[in-house]
Amino acid sequence: MHAFQISMFDCWWYRYAPNSKIVKIADMGDSSGNHSLYLKHVYGSMVKTVSYNIDPVAVEKIKSKGLNAIHIEEDNCFPSFSTYDAVMAWQVLEHLEDPILCLKSIDCDYLIASTPFMRRSRVGLHSIRNGKTLGTKEDEHIFELSPTDWELLLDYAGWDLLESRIYYQYPRGLFSWLWKIVWYNDYEGFWSFIAKRKE
């Protein structure tokens, strides 16, 4: 999945990134710094990343790796990303109480993101669904939407979808139903996209 996400960044880099020598990327909801480390290794000084998270522990973990990270107070108070060339949001949108507000608040030209692939949209809240205490914001999915519904929200929030791909977690084909049984407690895959802010 990590390689799939990075491949979407690579796609953005080669097709849509500005021709400047240094590109600034905001990694929204980053909890480990792994994407930033990979981009630093591949692109060197051509890519500068800053991670944002509401979890102070995650922020300190990222900083301990020598990376830039900023703690934000709440997930409904989004910082300005206007100085960045793109925002990455890997497995973030489904955790937000108001993904529309988030999409409207991102004030840069490009968004590169991924969400669980769902054939039919649903409300997640799996802790409550299974009779448990509500999990942390990092653990709990709220809206698990199909690509079609995410596309509608992107359009509504002022984004043009440029490209999208699905990563499947098990082989496709004649016996894919068997893999579904084995993979019953995980997602079938993940949907990723590149979007551009409407003019």
Foldseek 3Di string as FASTA:
>chain_A
DLVVLVVLVVVCVVPPFDPDQAAEEEEEADQACPNVVVCCVVVNRNYAYEYEHCDVVSQVNNVVVVHHYDHDNDPLDDDEPQVGQEYEYEQQLQLDPDSLSVLLRHNHFKYKYKHFADPAKDAWQPQVVVVHPGDDSVPTGGIRHHPVVVCVSNVVSAKDWDDKDWDAPDDDDDVVVVVCVVCVPDTRTMMITMITGHD
